[in-house]
Amino acid sequence: DKVLIIGLGQLGLPVAKYVKDKGFDVYGYDISQKAIQRAEKIASIKKADNFSEFDVYIICISTHRPDDMFTPQIDGLLSIVQEKIAKEAKNGALVSIESTIPRGTSKNSTLY
């Protein structure tokens, strides 16, 4: 199975390394080129060129809001799901959100 880790920061990089160590073919995506380079160097994670070829998507995007620690900022997460995964993922792909999100967010139909 091909796995795409979206977000290669504090959460995503260890997740990517763990999944790779379990024998999966792991790719990474991050808006930071520096994060991608670090993942390639530390864990041999390959850079994803698109979102269309994966069986599993693991989202590890920071939802931390510096001004309000009790209200996660989910705009970036929703954008990735709506603009990338929903449009490019193959039928039957698994999407796992590891980011902190408000209760009920994943059931909201606006995600798809």
Foldseek 3Di string as FASTA:
>chain_A
DEEEEEDQPPPRLVVQQVVVVVPHQYAYHYPDPVSRVCSCVPRVHHHDPAQAPDQEYEYDDEQADVVDRVAGNCPVVLCCQVVGCVVRYDPNHYYHYPYDHDPPPVVDPSSD
